[in-house]
Amino acid sequence: MSEANDSPIFPKSPLEEVGGIPYFVRMCDKIRLHASDDLHADYQSNLGGGFDKWTCEYLRVSYNDVVEKVQSGLDDAAVLEWAVSLGGERTAAERDWWLSYMRNRCHRDDLSELLEKRKISCGLGDRGDIVSMFGMIDADEERN
């Protein structure tokens, strides 16, 4: 997190779930914060990318359509219900794979080096307990 804003409003934790889906609550929260001009600049360049993109791909919906639904005033559960109705249910195996992928992203995978660089740049290089990007996000946003 940059120090340009001494008291940023952090989006909700990526670990918060709705309908058994982690990260979706955070994505919806970032959309709402962006619409109200309360989303810190550090988060804006990646809107619709990274975890947002992977979540939408899993649900088989477009990020822009999710933005539209969130901005229409629906709560997170209703937006997720809409997404599942549009994109269809996933098999138990698909869901388990995706959950593991999201919760463990950057742990011994192609983005492991990115995680280590990010930890160092945020002053968290000594935190051996941070082994995934979800953990990094929560540590950087002072939740753990």
Protein backbone atom coordinates (compact mmCIF):
# COMPACT_ATOMS: atom_id res chain seq x y z
CA MET A 1 0.00 0.00 0.00
CA SER A 2 1.43 3.37 -0.87
CA GLU A 3 1.67 6.08 1.74
CA ALA A 4 -0.09 8.70 -0.38
CA ASN A 5 -3.19 8.32 1.76
CA ASP A 6 -2.59 7.95 5.51
CA SER A 7 -5.94 6.33 6.21
CA PRO A 8 -7.13 4.37 3.18
CA ILE A 9 -10.39 2.48 3.19
CA PHE A 10 -9.38 -1.10 2.59
CA PRO A 11 -11.65 -3.39 0.60
CA LYS A 12 -12.95 -6.39 2.52
CA SER A 13 -10.71 -9.40 3.05
CA PRO A 14 -10.29 -11.87 0.19
CA LEU A 15 -11.10 -14.56 2.74
CA GLU A 16 -14.66 -13.30 3.26
CA GLU A 17 -17.10 -15.58 1.50
CA VAL A 18 -20.58 -15.49 0.10
CA GLY A 19 -22.16 -18.72 -1.07
CA GLY A 20 -18.93 -20.55 -0.22
CA ILE A 21 -16.97 -18.38 -2.66
CA PRO A 22 -13.97 -16.47 -1.30
CA TYR A 23 -12.89 -13.17 -2.83
CA PHE A 24 -16.29 -12.36 -4.40
CA VAL A 25 -17.21 -10.11 -1.45
CA ARG A 26 -13.92 -8.21 -1.88
CA MET A 27 -14.48 -7.78 -5.62
CA CYS A 28 -17.97 -6.37 -5.04
CA ASP A 29 -16.63 -4.10 -2.29
CA LYS A 30 -13.91 -2.74 -4.59
CA ILE A 31 -16.55 -2.01 -7.24
CA ARG A 32 -18.64 -0.09 -4.71
CA LEU A 33 -15.63 1.79 -3.33
CA HIS A 34 -14.54 2.72 -6.85
CA ALA A 35 -18.02 3.99 -7.75
CA SER A 36 -18.02 6.22 -4.65
CA ASP A 37 -14.46 7.46 -5.31
CA ASP A 38 -13.28 5.81 -2.09
CA LEU A 39 -11.08 3.14 -3.69
CA HIS A 40 -7.42 3.96 -3.11
CA ALA A 41 -5.46 4.58 -6.32
CA ASP A 42 -3.24 1.55 -5.61
CA TYR A 43 -6.20 -0.73 -6.32
CA GLN A 44 -7.60 0.93 -9.41
CA SER A 45 -5.14 -0.24 -12.06
CA ASN A 46 -5.99 -3.89 -11.45
CA LEU A 47 -9.79 -3.61 -11.42
CA GLY A 48 -11.12 -6.45 -13.55
CA GLY A 49 -7.72 -8.19 -13.59
CA GLY A 50 -6.01 -10.74 -11.38
CA PHE A 51 -8.37 -12.22 -8.81
CA ASP A 52 -11.30 -10.23 -10.25
CA LYS A 53 -10.68 -11.83 -13.64
CA TRP A 54 -10.18 -15.34 -12.25
CA THR A 55 -13.37 -15.08 -10.20
CA CYS A 56 -15.40 -13.93 -13.19
CA GLU A 57 -13.88 -16.65 -15.38
CA TYR A 58 -14.81 -19.27 -12.81
CA LEU A 59 -18.37 -17.95 -12.71
CA ARG A 60 -18.46 -17.58 -16.53
CA VAL A 61 -19.58 -13.94 -16.42
CA SER A 62 -17.93 -10.73 -17.55
CA TYR A 63 -16.44 -8.34 -15.02
CA ASN A 64 -18.32 -5.44 -16.63
CA ASP A 65 -21.62 -7.26 -16.13
CA VAL A 66 -20.74 -7.85 -12.47
CA VAL A 67 -19.96 -4.13 -12.13
CA GLU A 68 -23.37 -3.31 -13.59
CA LYS A 69 -25.15 -5.66 -11.17
CA VAL A 70 -23.26 -4.35 -8.14
CA GLN A 71 -23.89 -0.75 -9.13
CA SER A 72 -27.60 -1.50 -9.57
CA GLY A 73 -27.77 -1.92 -5.80
CA LEU A 74 -27.85 -5.70 -5.46
CA ASP A 75 -26.10 -7.16 -2.41
CA ASP A 76 -23.25 -9.63 -2.80
CA ALA A 77 -25.44 -12.72 -2.42
CA ALA A 78 -27.86 -11.49 -5.09
CA VAL A 79 -25.02 -10.67 -7.50
CA LEU A 80 -23.55 -14.14 -6.95
CA GLU A 81 -26.97 -15.73 -7.46
CA TRP A 82 -27.31 -13.82 -10.75
CA ALA A 83 -23.82 -14.91 -11.82
CA VAL A 84 -24.49 -18.58 -11.10
CA SER A 85 -27.84 -18.42 -12.89
CA LEU A 86 -26.14 -16.93 -15.94
CA GLY A 87 -22.89 -18.91 -15.94
CA GLY A 88 -24.26 -22.19 -14.63
CA GLU A 89 -23.32 -24.41 -11.73
CA ARG A 90 -19.81 -25.83 -11.58
CA THR A 91 -19.04 -29.44 -10.72
CA ALA A 92 -17.73 -30.28 -7.26
CA ALA A 93 -14.30 -31.00 -8.78
CA GLU A 94 -14.21 -27.64 -10.60
CA ARG A 95 -15.22 -25.83 -7.45
CA ASP A 96 -12.61 -27.64 -5.31
CA TRP A 97 -9.87 -26.92 -7.86
CA TRP A 98 -10.78 -23.25 -8.09
CA LEU A 99 -11.02 -22.82 -4.32
CA SER A 100 -7.56 -24.33 -3.91
CA TYR A 101 -6.18 -22.19 -6.73
CA MET A 102 -7.53 -18.95 -5.26
CA ARG A 103 -6.64 -19.63 -1.65
CA ASN A 104 -3.11 -20.76 -2.50
CA ARG A 105 -2.22 -18.42 -5.38
CA CYS A 106 1.49 -17.45 -5.23
CA HIS A 107 2.42 -20.44 -3.05
CA ARG A 108 5.02 -22.44 -4.96
CA ASP A 109 3.63 -21.46 -8.35
CA ASP A 110 4.50 -19.15 -11.23
CA LEU A 111 3.80 -16.07 -9.08
CA SER A 112 5.87 -17.09 -6.02
CA GLU A 113 8.60 -14.58 -6.88
CA LEU A 114 6.00 -11.82 -7.17
CA LEU A 115 4.75 -12.62 -3.67
CA GLU A 116 8.27 -12.43 -2.23
CA LYS A 117 8.95 -9.11 -3.98
CA ARG A 118 5.65 -7.73 -2.74
CA LYS A 119 6.36 -8.84 0.83
CA ILE A 120 9.72 -7.06 0.75
CA SER A 121 8.32 -3.88 -0.80
CA CYS A 122 5.65 -3.74 1.92
CA GLY A 123 8.13 -4.30 4.74
CA LEU A 124 6.87 -7.83 5.36
CA GLY A 125 9.85 -9.76 4.01
CA ASP A 126 10.45 -11.43 7.37
CA ARG A 127 6.90 -12.84 7.54
CA GLY A 128 7.38 -16.53 6.74
CA ASP A 129 3.74 -17.14 7.62
CA ILE A 130 2.63 -15.24 4.50
CA VAL A 131 2.61 -17.94 1.82
CA SER A 132 -0.25 -16.90 -0.47
CA MET A 133 -1.52 -13.69 -2.01
CA PHE A 134 -4.65 -13.81 0.14
CA GLY A 135 -2.36 -13.84 3.19
CA MET A 136 -0.30 -11.02 1.72
CA ILE A 137 -3.37 -8.89 1.08
CA ASP A 138 -4.63 -9.37 4.63
CA ALA A 139 -1.19 -8.61 6.12
CA ASP A 140 -0.70 -5.54 3.93
CA GLU A 141 -4.14 -4.27 4.91
CA GLU A 142 -3.32 -4.93 8.56
CA ARG A 143 -5.82 -7.74 9.16
CA ASN A 144 -3.14 -10.20 10.35
